[in-house]
Amino acid sequence: MPSSTAISAQGSTLSVSGGAGVVKNITGLALGFPTIVASAAHGFSNGDIVTFGALAGNTTLNGQTAVIKNVTAGTYAVDIDTTGGAAWTAGGTATPVAWTPIGNLNNFKGFDGTANEIDKTNLSSTAKEFMLGLQDFGHFTFDVDKDFTDPGQVACDAAKRAGTLKQFKLTLPNTRTATFSGYVKNSPLDGGVDQILKTTGVSIRITGDVAYA
């Protein structure tokens, strides 16, 4: 009988975007889909978000923001199609989003949305006919032990108050990541006898796609 391939959730982390990180220089570009970016000692991880600029020769990436995947020590890939374009000649930078870990994470669940059903039945139909509309990734919710000084929790509370769109990165123990954008809708505070303070059911409304790497 095959052994289980289940993955423990222990060690999972959740981070929220917190401004721009250290700019990294690009040293080469392999055209295709995905595009392979060479960058010596870039230090990026799968699921990171970068914005490109100042590439010469092939300028397709300039001004674009993408989630990176297939990271090695000196390269990474982005799902931007440069097939058939001009060759890269020189230069280029990648500016990453700086991540702030959300401390005391207890549990999470999400990506629970469903696409709308579009009724395309007409008078020639012999049964009801449907097609799916745009994908909706729904909500991502999580619980934490409350820490009023934790930078990640503080960032989420501030985003809720200001209605600011933020980026989030879930990193699983097997190094798989899910990166997405969303709005923090609530941040409830729970307490009771012989209990620690918790923020239970923080809800992020996801907007756009979820990028897995």
N, C-alpha and C. Protein backbone atom coordinates (compact mmCIF):
# COMPACT_ATOMS: atom_id res chain seq x y z
N MET A 1 0.84 -1.19 0.00
CA MET A 1 0.00 0.00 0.00
C MET A 1 0.88 1.24 0.00
N PRO A 2 0.57 2.22 -0.87
CA PRO A 2 1.40 3.44 -0.91
C PRO A 2 1.34 4.20 0.41
N SER A 3 2.45 4.82 0.79
CA SER A 3 2.46 5.64 2.00
C SER A 3 1.79 6.98 1.72
N SER A 4 1.33 7.61 2.78
CA SER A 4 0.63 8.89 2.64
C SER A 4 1.58 9.98 2.15
N THR A 5 1.05 10.86 1.34
CA THR A 5 1.81 12.02 0.87
C THR A 5 1.28 13.31 1.49
N ALA A 6 0.54 13.17 2.61
CA ALA A 6 -0.03 14.33 3.28
C ALA A 6 1.08 15.29 3.74
N ILE A 7 0.76 16.57 3.76
CA ILE A 7 1.70 17.61 4.15
C ILE A 7 1.23 18.24 5.45
N SER A 8 2.10 18.31 6.42
CA SER A 8 1.78 18.99 7.68
C SER A 8 1.68 20.49 7.45
N ALA A 9 0.72 21.11 8.11
CA ALA A 9 0.60 22.57 8.03
C ALA A 9 1.56 23.27 8.98
N GLN A 10 2.15 22.50 9.91
CA GLN A 10 3.05 23.10 10.89
C GLN A 10 4.25 23.73 10.19
N GLY A 11 4.53 24.98 10.51
CA GLY A 11 5.62 25.69 9.86
C GLY A 11 5.18 26.61 8.75
N SER A 12 3.89 26.62 8.44
CA SER A 12 3.39 27.54 7.43
C SER A 12 3.51 28.98 7.91
N THR A 13 3.76 29.89 6.99
CA THR A 13 3.88 31.31 7.33
C THR A 13 3.03 32.15 6.39
N LEU A 14 2.58 33.29 6.89
CA LEU A 14 1.81 34.25 6.10
C LEU A 14 2.47 35.61 6.25
N SER A 15 2.70 36.28 5.11
CA SER A 15 3.35 37.59 5.13
C SER A 15 2.49 38.59 4.37
N VAL A 16 2.65 39.87 4.73
CA VAL A 16 1.93 40.95 4.09
C VAL A 16 2.94 41.93 3.49
N SER A 17 2.58 42.54 2.38
CA SER A 17 3.50 43.46 1.72
C SER A 17 3.75 44.70 2.58
N GLY A 18 4.99 45.20 2.50
CA GLY A 18 5.36 46.34 3.33
C GLY A 18 6.32 47.29 2.65
N GLY A 19 6.03 47.68 1.43
CA GLY A 19 6.91 48.62 0.74
C GLY A 19 7.85 47.91 -0.21
N ALA A 20 8.88 48.63 -0.66
CA ALA A 20 9.82 48.10 -1.64
C ALA A 20 11.07 47.55 -0.96
N GLY A 21 11.58 46.44 -1.50
CA GLY A 21 12.81 45.85 -0.99
C GLY A 21 14.03 46.36 -1.75
N VAL A 22 15.13 45.65 -1.61
CA VAL A 22 16.40 46.04 -2.22
C VAL A 22 16.39 45.70 -3.71
N VAL A 23 16.70 46.69 -4.54
CA VAL A 23 16.73 46.50 -5.99
C VAL A 23 17.86 45.56 -6.38
N LYS A 24 17.56 44.61 -7.29
CA LYS A 24 18.56 43.67 -7.77
C LYS A 24 18.79 43.86 -9.26
N ASN A 25 20.05 43.79 -9.67
CA ASN A 25 20.40 43.95 -11.08
C ASN A 25 20.17 42.67 -11.86
N ILE A 26 19.75 42.83 -13.11
CA ILE A 26 19.54 41.72 -14.02
C ILE A 26 20.79 41.56 -14.88
N THR A 27 21.23 40.30 -15.04
CA THR A 27 22.46 40.05 -15.80
C THR A 27 22.21 39.25 -17.08
N GLY A 28 20.97 38.91 -17.34
CA GLY A 28 20.66 38.18 -18.56
C GLY A 28 19.19 37.84 -18.63
N LEU A 29 18.74 37.44 -19.83
CA LEU A 29 17.33 37.15 -20.06
C LEU A 29 17.24 36.02 -21.08
N ALA A 30 16.58 34.94 -20.74
CA ALA A 30 16.31 33.86 -21.69
C ALA A 30 14.85 33.98 -22.11
N LEU A 31 14.63 34.31 -23.37
CA LEU A 31 13.28 34.58 -23.86
C LEU A 31 12.46 33.30 -23.93
N GLY A 32 11.15 33.46 -23.78
CA GLY A 32 10.23 32.33 -23.85
C GLY A 32 9.05 32.56 -22.94
N PHE A 33 8.35 31.47 -22.67
CA PHE A 33 7.23 31.53 -21.72
C PHE A 33 7.28 30.26 -20.86
N PRO A 34 7.71 30.38 -19.60
CA PRO A 34 8.03 31.64 -18.93
C PRO A 34 9.36 32.23 -19.37
N THR A 35 9.58 33.48 -19.01
CA THR A 35 10.86 34.13 -19.23
C THR A 35 11.79 33.83 -18.06
N ILE A 36 13.03 33.46 -18.37
CA ILE A 36 14.02 33.17 -17.33
C ILE A 36 14.92 34.38 -17.15
N VAL A 37 14.98 34.88 -15.93
CA VAL A 37 15.77 36.07 -15.62
C VAL A 37 17.02 35.64 -14.86
N ALA A 38 18.17 36.09 -15.33
CA ALA A 38 19.43 35.84 -14.62
C ALA A 38 19.77 37.04 -13.75
N SER A 39 20.12 36.75 -12.51
CA SER A 39 20.45 37.82 -11.56
C SER A 39 21.31 37.20 -10.47
N ALA A 40 22.58 37.59 -10.44
CA ALA A 40 23.53 36.97 -9.52
C ALA A 40 23.15 37.27 -8.06
N ALA A 41 23.09 36.21 -7.25
CA ALA A 41 22.84 36.34 -5.80
C ALA A 41 21.62 37.22 -5.52
N HIS A 42 20.54 36.98 -6.25
CA HIS A 42 19.35 37.82 -6.11
C HIS A 42 18.67 37.67 -4.75
N GLY A 43 18.72 36.50 -4.16
CA GLY A 43 18.14 36.29 -2.83
C GLY A 43 16.64 36.18 -2.80
N PHE A 44 15.99 36.08 -3.95
CA PHE A 44 14.53 35.99 -3.99
C PHE A 44 14.09 34.57 -3.66
N SER A 45 12.79 34.46 -3.33
CA SER A 45 12.17 33.17 -3.07
C SER A 45 10.95 33.01 -3.96
N ASN A 46 10.55 31.77 -4.20
CA ASN A 46 9.31 31.54 -4.94
C ASN A 46 8.16 32.30 -4.29
N GLY A 47 7.32 32.92 -5.13
CA GLY A 47 6.19 33.67 -4.63
C GLY A 47 6.46 35.14 -4.39
N ASP A 48 7.72 35.57 -4.50
CA ASP A 48 8.01 36.99 -4.35
C ASP A 48 7.45 37.78 -5.54
N ILE A 49 7.19 39.05 -5.32
CA ILE A 49 6.66 39.94 -6.35
C ILE A 49 7.73 40.96 -6.71
N VAL A 50 8.01 41.12 -8.01
CA VAL A 50 9.02 42.08 -8.44
C VAL A 50 8.45 42.96 -9.56
N THR A 51 8.99 44.16 -9.66
CA THR A 51 8.66 45.08 -10.75
C THR A 51 9.93 45.37 -11.53
N PHE A 52 9.85 45.27 -12.86
CA PHE A 52 11.03 45.37 -13.71
C PHE A 52 11.17 46.76 -14.31
N GLY A 53 12.41 47.10 -14.63
CA GLY A 53 12.69 48.37 -15.31
C GLY A 53 14.08 48.39 -15.91
N ALA A 54 14.28 49.29 -16.86
CA ALA A 54 15.60 49.63 -17.41
C ALA A 54 16.26 48.51 -18.19
N LEU A 55 15.50 47.52 -18.68
CA LEU A 55 16.10 46.51 -19.54
C LEU A 55 16.28 47.09 -20.94
N ALA A 56 17.41 46.77 -21.57
CA ALA A 56 17.69 47.23 -22.94
C ALA A 56 17.68 46.04 -23.89
N GLY A 57 17.34 46.30 -25.14
CA GLY A 57 17.20 45.25 -26.13
C GLY A 57 15.79 44.71 -26.11
N ASN A 58 15.54 43.76 -25.24
CA ASN A 58 14.17 43.30 -25.01
C ASN A 58 13.58 44.09 -23.86
N THR A 59 12.56 44.88 -24.15
CA THR A 59 11.98 45.77 -23.15
C THR A 59 10.60 45.30 -22.68
N THR A 60 10.23 44.07 -23.02
CA THR A 60 8.89 43.57 -22.69
C THR A 60 8.60 43.63 -21.20
N LEU A 61 9.60 43.34 -20.37
CA LEU A 61 9.37 43.29 -18.93
C LEU A 61 9.30 44.66 -18.29
N ASN A 62 9.81 45.69 -18.96
CA ASN A 62 9.88 47.01 -18.34
C ASN A 62 8.50 47.48 -17.90
N GLY A 63 8.40 47.88 -16.64
CA GLY A 63 7.16 48.39 -16.08
C GLY A 63 6.19 47.32 -15.63
N GLN A 64 6.52 46.05 -15.85
CA GLN A 64 5.61 44.98 -15.47
C GLN A 64 5.93 44.44 -14.08
N THR A 65 4.88 44.00 -13.40
CA THR A 65 5.01 43.39 -12.08
C THR A 65 4.59 41.93 -12.19
N ALA A 66 5.38 41.04 -11.60
CA ALA A 66 5.10 39.61 -11.74
C ALA A 66 5.52 38.87 -10.48
N VAL A 67 4.89 37.70 -10.30
CA VAL A 67 5.28 36.78 -9.23
C VAL A 67 6.35 35.84 -9.77
N ILE A 68 7.42 35.65 -9.03
CA ILE A 68 8.52 34.82 -9.53
C ILE A 68 8.38 33.38 -9.05
N LYS A 69 8.94 32.46 -9.85
CA LYS A 69 8.87 31.03 -9.54
C LYS A 69 10.15 30.37 -10.04
N ASN A 70 10.26 29.07 -9.79
CA ASN A 70 11.40 28.26 -10.27
C ASN A 70 12.74 28.91 -9.92
N VAL A 71 12.87 29.32 -8.68
CA VAL A 71 14.05 30.05 -8.23
C VAL A 71 15.26 29.13 -8.11
N THR A 72 16.40 29.58 -8.63
CA THR A 72 17.70 28.97 -8.36
C THR A 72 18.59 30.06 -7.76
N ALA A 73 19.84 29.72 -7.48
CA ALA A 73 20.74 30.70 -6.85
C ALA A 73 20.95 31.93 -7.73
N GLY A 74 20.93 31.74 -9.06
CA GLY A 74 21.22 32.87 -9.94
C GLY A 74 20.17 33.18 -10.97
N THR A 75 19.02 32.48 -10.92
CA THR A 75 17.95 32.73 -11.90
C THR A 75 16.59 32.60 -11.25
N TYR A 76 15.58 33.07 -11.95
CA TYR A 76 14.18 32.85 -11.57
C TYR A 76 13.33 33.04 -12.82
N ALA A 77 12.09 32.57 -12.76
CA ALA A 77 11.20 32.65 -13.91
C ALA A 77 9.99 33.51 -13.59
N VAL A 78 9.44 34.14 -14.63
CA VAL A 78 8.18 34.90 -14.50
C VAL A 78 7.28 34.52 -15.67
N ASP A 79 5.99 34.48 -15.40
CA ASP A 79 5.02 34.11 -16.43
C ASP A 79 4.67 35.30 -17.32
N ILE A 80 5.67 35.81 -18.00
CA ILE A 80 5.51 36.86 -19.01
C ILE A 80 6.11 36.31 -20.30
N ASP A 81 5.36 36.39 -21.38
CA ASP A 81 5.76 35.79 -22.64
C ASP A 81 6.64 36.74 -23.44
N THR A 82 7.91 36.36 -23.63
CA THR A 82 8.83 37.16 -24.44
C THR A 82 9.23 36.41 -25.72
N THR A 83 8.49 35.37 -26.04
CA THR A 83 8.82 34.55 -27.21
C THR A 83 8.89 35.40 -28.48
N GLY A 84 9.99 35.22 -29.24
CA GLY A 84 10.11 35.91 -30.52
C GLY A 84 10.50 37.37 -30.42
N GLY A 85 10.76 37.87 -29.22
CA GLY A 85 11.12 39.28 -29.08
C GLY A 85 12.59 39.53 -29.36
N ALA A 86 12.96 40.79 -29.30
CA ALA A 86 14.36 41.17 -29.49
C ALA A 86 15.21 40.61 -28.35
N ALA A 87 16.47 40.37 -28.63
CA ALA A 87 17.37 39.84 -27.62
C ALA A 87 17.68 40.89 -26.56
N TRP A 88 17.83 40.42 -25.30
CA TRP A 88 18.30 41.31 -24.23
C TRP A 88 19.74 41.70 -24.54
N THR A 89 20.05 42.98 -24.32
CA THR A 89 21.41 43.44 -24.59
C THR A 89 22.16 43.89 -23.34
N ALA A 90 21.47 44.54 -22.43
CA ALA A 90 22.17 45.03 -21.24
C ALA A 90 21.16 45.54 -20.22
N GLY A 91 21.63 45.59 -18.99
CA GLY A 91 20.93 46.31 -17.94
C GLY A 91 19.64 45.65 -17.48
N GLY A 92 18.97 46.36 -16.62
CA GLY A 92 17.71 45.91 -16.07
C GLY A 92 17.76 45.76 -14.56
N THR A 93 16.65 46.08 -13.92
CA THR A 93 16.54 45.93 -12.47
C THR A 93 15.22 45.25 -12.12
N ALA A 94 15.21 44.62 -10.98
CA ALA A 94 13.99 44.03 -10.41
C ALA A 94 13.85 44.56 -8.99
N THR A 95 12.74 45.25 -8.75
CA THR A 95 12.48 45.82 -7.42
C THR A 95 11.44 44.95 -6.72
N PRO A 96 11.81 44.28 -5.63
CA PRO A 96 10.87 43.36 -4.98
C PRO A 96 9.96 44.06 -3.97
N VAL A 97 8.83 43.44 -3.74
CA VAL A 97 8.00 43.81 -2.59
C VAL A 97 8.69 43.29 -1.33
N ALA A 98 8.74 44.12 -0.31
CA ALA A 98 9.29 43.69 0.98
C ALA A 98 8.17 43.05 1.79
N TRP A 99 8.43 41.85 2.30
CA TRP A 99 7.42 41.11 3.06
C TRP A 99 7.60 41.29 4.56
N THR A 100 6.48 41.44 5.25
CA THR A 100 6.47 41.49 6.71
C THR A 100 5.71 40.28 7.24
N PRO A 101 6.36 39.37 7.96
CA PRO A 101 5.66 38.19 8.49
C PRO A 101 4.56 38.59 9.47
N ILE A 102 3.46 37.86 9.43
CA ILE A 102 2.37 38.04 10.39
C ILE A 102 2.59 37.04 11.51
N GLY A 103 2.89 37.54 12.70
CA GLY A 103 3.29 36.68 13.81
C GLY A 103 2.14 35.95 14.46
N ASN A 104 2.48 34.86 15.16
CA ASN A 104 1.54 34.09 15.99
C ASN A 104 0.41 33.47 15.18
N LEU A 105 0.69 33.07 13.94
CA LEU A 105 -0.34 32.46 13.09
C LEU A 105 -0.76 31.11 13.66
N ASN A 106 -2.07 30.91 13.82
CA ASN A 106 -2.59 29.66 14.37
C ASN A 106 -3.19 28.75 13.31
N ASN A 107 -4.00 29.29 12.44
CA ASN A 107 -4.61 28.49 11.40
C ASN A 107 -5.09 29.39 10.27
N PHE A 108 -5.42 28.78 9.15
CA PHE A 108 -5.88 29.55 7.99
C PHE A 108 -6.75 28.66 7.11
N LYS A 109 -7.55 29.31 6.30
CA LYS A 109 -8.29 28.63 5.24
C LYS A 109 -8.70 29.68 4.21
N GLY A 110 -8.95 29.23 3.00
CA GLY A 110 -9.33 30.23 2.02
C GLY A 110 -9.35 29.73 0.60
N PHE A 111 -9.34 30.72 -0.31
CA PHE A 111 -9.48 30.47 -1.75
C PHE A 111 -10.80 29.73 -2.00
N ASP A 112 -11.85 30.20 -1.32
CA ASP A 112 -13.12 29.49 -1.25
C ASP A 112 -14.16 30.02 -2.24
N GLY A 113 -13.76 30.91 -3.14
CA GLY A 113 -14.73 31.49 -4.07
C GLY A 113 -15.09 30.52 -5.20
N THR A 114 -16.16 30.81 -5.87
CA THR A 114 -16.59 30.02 -7.03
C THR A 114 -16.95 30.95 -8.18
N ALA A 115 -16.75 30.47 -9.39
CA ALA A 115 -17.13 31.25 -10.57
C ALA A 115 -18.65 31.28 -10.70
N ASN A 116 -19.16 32.38 -11.22
CA ASN A 116 -20.59 32.48 -11.49
C ASN A 116 -21.00 31.51 -12.58
N GLU A 117 -22.23 30.99 -12.47
CA GLU A 117 -22.81 30.19 -13.54
C GLU A 117 -23.59 31.12 -14.48
N ILE A 118 -23.24 31.10 -15.74
CA ILE A 118 -23.92 31.92 -16.73
C ILE A 118 -24.87 31.03 -17.52
N ASP A 119 -26.15 31.34 -17.44
CA ASP A 119 -27.17 30.55 -18.14
C ASP A 119 -27.17 30.92 -19.62
N LYS A 120 -26.85 29.94 -20.47
CA LYS A 120 -26.86 30.20 -21.91
C LYS A 120 -27.93 29.36 -22.63
N THR A 121 -28.94 28.97 -21.85
CA THR A 121 -30.05 28.20 -22.42
C THR A 121 -30.85 29.05 -23.39
N ASN A 122 -31.23 28.48 -24.52
CA ASN A 122 -32.12 29.17 -25.46
C ASN A 122 -33.22 28.22 -25.91
N LEU A 123 -34.04 28.68 -26.82
CA LEU A 123 -35.20 27.89 -27.22
C LEU A 123 -34.83 26.66 -28.04
N SER A 124 -33.60 26.54 -28.47
CA SER A 124 -33.14 25.35 -29.17
C SER A 124 -32.55 24.32 -28.21
N SER A 125 -32.38 24.69 -26.95
CA SER A 125 -31.77 23.78 -25.98
C SER A 125 -32.71 22.64 -25.64
N THR A 126 -32.13 21.49 -25.40
CA THR A 126 -32.92 20.34 -24.95
C THR A 126 -32.78 20.12 -23.46
N ALA A 127 -31.91 20.86 -22.82
CA ALA A 127 -31.74 20.85 -21.37
C ALA A 127 -31.06 22.17 -20.99
N LYS A 128 -31.05 22.48 -19.72
CA LYS A 128 -30.40 23.71 -19.27
C LYS A 128 -28.93 23.68 -19.65
N GLU A 129 -28.42 24.80 -20.14
CA GLU A 129 -27.02 24.90 -20.54
C GLU A 129 -26.36 26.06 -19.79
N PHE A 130 -25.14 25.82 -19.33
CA PHE A 130 -24.42 26.82 -18.55
C PHE A 130 -22.98 26.92 -19.03
N MET A 131 -22.38 28.06 -18.74
CA MET A 131 -20.94 28.23 -18.84
C MET A 131 -20.49 28.99 -17.60
N LEU A 132 -19.22 28.89 -17.29
CA LEU A 132 -18.70 29.55 -16.11
C LEU A 132 -18.19 30.95 -16.46
N GLY A 133 -18.40 31.88 -15.53
CA GLY A 133 -17.87 33.22 -15.67
C GLY A 133 -16.45 33.30 -15.13
N LEU A 134 -16.03 34.51 -14.78
CA LEU A 134 -14.68 34.71 -14.27
C LEU A 134 -14.47 33.97 -12.96
N GLN A 135 -13.25 33.49 -12.78
CA GLN A 135 -12.91 32.85 -11.52
C GLN A 135 -12.95 33.85 -10.38
N ASP A 136 -13.44 33.40 -9.23
CA ASP A 136 -13.48 34.21 -8.02
C ASP A 136 -12.81 33.40 -6.92
N PHE A 137 -11.69 33.90 -6.40
CA PHE A 137 -10.96 33.15 -5.38
C PHE A 137 -11.47 33.42 -3.97
N GLY A 138 -12.49 34.26 -3.84
CA GLY A 138 -13.19 34.39 -2.57
C GLY A 138 -12.39 35.07 -1.49
N HIS A 139 -12.35 34.44 -0.32
CA HIS A 139 -11.72 35.00 0.86
C HIS A 139 -10.58 34.10 1.36
N PHE A 140 -9.69 34.72 2.10
CA PHE A 140 -8.66 33.99 2.85
C PHE A 140 -8.79 34.46 4.29
N THR A 141 -9.00 33.52 5.22
CA THR A 141 -9.18 33.88 6.62
C THR A 141 -8.10 33.21 7.47
N PHE A 142 -7.76 33.87 8.58
CA PHE A 142 -6.75 33.30 9.47
C PHE A 142 -6.96 33.80 10.89
N ASP A 143 -6.40 33.05 11.85
CA ASP A 143 -6.44 33.40 13.27
C ASP A 143 -5.03 33.61 13.77
N VAL A 144 -4.87 34.55 14.69
CA VAL A 144 -3.57 34.77 15.33
C VAL A 144 -3.77 35.01 16.81
N ASP A 145 -2.75 34.69 17.61
CA ASP A 145 -2.68 35.16 18.99
C ASP A 145 -2.31 36.64 18.92
N LYS A 146 -3.12 37.48 19.54
CA LYS A 146 -2.96 38.92 19.36
C LYS A 146 -1.68 39.45 19.96
N ASP A 147 -0.97 40.22 19.16
CA ASP A 147 0.23 40.93 19.61
C ASP A 147 0.14 42.34 19.02
N PHE A 148 -0.10 43.32 19.87
CA PHE A 148 -0.33 44.69 19.40
C PHE A 148 0.95 45.34 18.87
N THR A 149 2.09 44.68 19.04
CA THR A 149 3.35 45.24 18.54
C THR A 149 3.91 44.46 17.35
N ASP A 150 3.27 43.36 16.98
CA ASP A 150 3.78 42.58 15.85
C ASP A 150 3.62 43.36 14.55
N PRO A 151 4.70 43.58 13.79
CA PRO A 151 4.62 44.41 12.59
C PRO A 151 3.61 43.91 11.56
N GLY A 152 3.50 42.59 11.39
CA GLY A 152 2.56 42.05 10.43
C GLY A 152 1.12 42.27 10.83
N GLN A 153 0.82 42.04 12.12
CA GLN A 153 -0.53 42.28 12.61
C GLN A 153 -0.87 43.77 12.55
N VAL A 154 0.09 44.60 12.89
CA VAL A 154 -0.13 46.06 12.83
C VAL A 154 -0.41 46.48 11.39
N ALA A 155 0.32 45.90 10.43
CA ALA A 155 0.12 46.25 9.02
C ALA A 155 -1.27 45.85 8.54
N CYS A 156 -1.76 44.70 9.00
CA CYS A 156 -3.11 44.27 8.61
C CYS A 156 -4.17 45.19 9.20
N ASP A 157 -4.00 45.56 10.47
CA ASP A 157 -4.95 46.48 11.10
C ASP A 157 -4.96 47.84 10.39
N ALA A 158 -3.78 48.31 10.01
CA ALA A 158 -3.70 49.60 9.32
C ALA A 158 -4.34 49.51 7.94
N ALA A 159 -4.15 48.39 7.26
CA ALA A 159 -4.75 48.21 5.93
C ALA A 159 -6.27 48.17 6.03
N LYS A 160 -6.80 47.54 7.07
CA LYS A 160 -8.25 47.52 7.27
C LYS A 160 -8.79 48.93 7.49
N ARG A 161 -8.11 49.68 8.36
CA ARG A 161 -8.57 51.03 8.68
C ARG A 161 -8.56 51.95 7.46
N ALA A 162 -7.53 51.78 6.61
CA ALA A 162 -7.37 52.68 5.46
C ALA A 162 -8.03 52.14 4.19
N GLY A 163 -8.48 50.88 4.22
CA GLY A 163 -9.03 50.28 3.02
C GLY A 163 -8.00 50.10 1.92
N THR A 164 -6.76 49.78 2.33
CA THR A 164 -5.64 49.70 1.39
C THR A 164 -5.52 48.30 0.81
N LEU A 165 -5.30 48.22 -0.49
CA LEU A 165 -5.03 46.95 -1.13
C LEU A 165 -3.61 46.49 -0.78
N LYS A 166 -3.49 45.26 -0.30
CA LYS A 166 -2.19 44.71 0.08
C LYS A 166 -1.94 43.40 -0.66
N GLN A 167 -0.67 42.99 -0.68
CA GLN A 167 -0.32 41.69 -1.22
C GLN A 167 0.03 40.76 -0.05
N PHE A 168 -0.28 39.49 -0.24
CA PHE A 168 -0.04 38.49 0.79
C PHE A 168 0.66 37.29 0.18
N LYS A 169 1.52 36.64 0.98
CA LYS A 169 2.19 35.43 0.52
C LYS A 169 2.10 34.36 1.59
N LEU A 170 1.45 33.25 1.23
CA LEU A 170 1.38 32.08 2.08
C LEU A 170 2.48 31.13 1.66
N THR A 171 3.34 30.75 2.60
CA THR A 171 4.43 29.81 2.33
C THR A 171 4.22 28.56 3.15
N LEU A 172 4.13 27.42 2.46
CA LEU A 172 3.89 26.14 3.12
C LEU A 172 5.22 25.46 3.46
N PRO A 173 5.19 24.47 4.35
CA PRO A 173 6.44 23.83 4.76
C PRO A 173 7.19 23.14 3.63
N ASN A 174 6.50 22.77 2.56
CA ASN A 174 7.17 22.14 1.42
C ASN A 174 7.69 23.16 0.42
N THR A 175 7.71 24.43 0.81
CA THR A 175 8.20 25.61 0.07
C THR A 175 7.23 26.07 -1.03
N ARG A 176 6.09 25.40 -1.21
CA ARG A 176 5.09 25.91 -2.14
C ARG A 176 4.53 27.22 -1.61
N THR A 177 4.21 28.14 -2.52
CA THR A 177 3.69 29.45 -2.12
C THR A 177 2.41 29.78 -2.89
N ALA A 178 1.60 30.62 -2.27
CA ALA A 178 0.43 31.21 -2.93
C ALA A 178 0.48 32.70 -2.67
N THR A 179 0.55 33.49 -3.72
CA THR A 179 0.67 34.94 -3.60
C THR A 179 -0.60 35.57 -4.17
N PHE A 180 -1.17 36.53 -3.44
CA PHE A 180 -2.43 37.12 -3.87
C PHE A 180 -2.59 38.53 -3.30
N SER A 181 -3.50 39.29 -3.91
CA SER A 181 -3.82 40.64 -3.45
C SER A 181 -5.20 40.64 -2.80
N GLY A 182 -5.39 41.52 -1.82
CA GLY A 182 -6.69 41.55 -1.17
C GLY A 182 -6.84 42.70 -0.19
N TYR A 183 -8.07 42.85 0.27
CA TYR A 183 -8.42 43.87 1.26
C TYR A 183 -8.75 43.21 2.58
N VAL A 184 -8.19 43.72 3.68
CA VAL A 184 -8.50 43.21 5.01
C VAL A 184 -9.87 43.77 5.41
N LYS A 185 -10.85 42.89 5.56
CA LYS A 185 -12.22 43.32 5.82
C LYS A 185 -12.53 43.46 7.30
N ASN A 186 -11.89 42.65 8.14
CA ASN A 186 -12.18 42.72 9.56
C ASN A 186 -10.98 42.27 10.36
N SER A 187 -11.01 42.58 11.64
CA SER A 187 -9.91 42.20 12.53
C SER A 187 -10.45 42.09 13.95
N PRO A 188 -11.31 41.10 14.21
CA PRO A 188 -12.00 41.01 15.51
C PRO A 188 -11.05 40.60 16.64
N LEU A 189 -11.35 41.05 17.84
CA LEU A 189 -10.57 40.72 19.03
C LEU A 189 -11.40 39.82 19.93
N ASP A 190 -10.86 38.64 20.29
CA ASP A 190 -11.57 37.68 21.12
C ASP A 190 -10.81 37.47 22.42
N GLY A 191 -11.56 37.36 23.52
CA GLY A 191 -10.96 37.07 24.81
C GLY A 191 -11.95 36.38 25.72
N GLY A 192 -11.47 35.77 26.80
CA GLY A 192 -12.35 35.08 27.74
C GLY A 192 -11.57 34.62 28.95
N VAL A 193 -12.28 34.00 29.89
CA VAL A 193 -11.66 33.51 31.12
C VAL A 193 -10.65 32.42 30.78
N ASP A 194 -9.47 32.53 31.36
CA ASP A 194 -8.39 31.56 31.14
C ASP A 194 -8.07 31.39 29.66
N GLN A 195 -8.14 32.48 28.92
CA GLN A 195 -7.80 32.44 27.51
C GLN A 195 -6.87 33.59 27.18
N ILE A 196 -6.04 33.39 26.17
CA ILE A 196 -5.24 34.49 25.68
C ILE A 196 -6.04 35.29 24.67
N LEU A 197 -5.63 36.52 24.46
CA LEU A 197 -6.28 37.34 23.46
C LEU A 197 -5.98 36.80 22.07
N LYS A 198 -7.02 36.73 21.26
CA LYS A 198 -6.88 36.24 19.89
C LYS A 198 -7.57 37.18 18.92
N THR A 199 -7.09 37.19 17.72
CA THR A 199 -7.81 37.80 16.60
C THR A 199 -8.25 36.65 15.72
N THR A 200 -9.55 36.37 15.74
CA THR A 200 -10.10 35.17 15.12
C THR A 200 -10.92 35.53 13.89
N GLY A 201 -10.60 34.88 12.78
CA GLY A 201 -11.39 35.09 11.58
C GLY A 201 -11.07 36.36 10.83
N VAL A 202 -9.78 36.76 10.82
CA VAL A 202 -9.39 37.89 9.97
C VAL A 202 -9.70 37.51 8.52
N SER A 203 -10.47 38.33 7.85
CA SER A 203 -10.95 37.98 6.51
C SER A 203 -10.34 38.91 5.47
N ILE A 204 -9.69 38.32 4.49
CA ILE A 204 -9.13 39.07 3.37
C ILE A 204 -9.96 38.77 2.13
N ARG A 205 -10.51 39.80 1.51
CA ARG A 205 -11.24 39.61 0.26
C ARG A 205 -10.24 39.64 -0.87
N ILE A 206 -10.08 38.51 -1.53
CA ILE A 206 -9.10 38.40 -2.60
C ILE A 206 -9.62 39.11 -3.85
N THR A 207 -8.74 39.87 -4.50
CA THR A 207 -9.07 40.48 -5.77
C THR A 207 -8.04 40.05 -6.80
N GLY A 208 -8.50 39.57 -7.94
CA GLY A 208 -7.59 39.09 -8.96
C GLY A 208 -7.23 37.63 -8.77
N ASP A 209 -6.15 37.23 -9.42
CA ASP A 209 -5.73 35.84 -9.46
C ASP A 209 -4.86 35.49 -8.26
N VAL A 210 -4.73 34.19 -8.01
CA VAL A 210 -3.78 33.67 -7.03
C VAL A 210 -2.65 33.01 -7.80
N ALA A 211 -1.42 33.42 -7.51
CA ALA A 211 -0.26 32.88 -8.21
C ALA A 211 0.40 31.83 -7.33
N TYR A 212 0.50 30.62 -7.85
CA TYR A 212 1.15 29.52 -7.12
C TYR A 212 2.56 29.32 -7.66
N ALA A 213 3.49 29.09 -6.76
CA ALA A 213 4.88 28.87 -7.18
C ALA A 213 5.52 27.84 -6.28
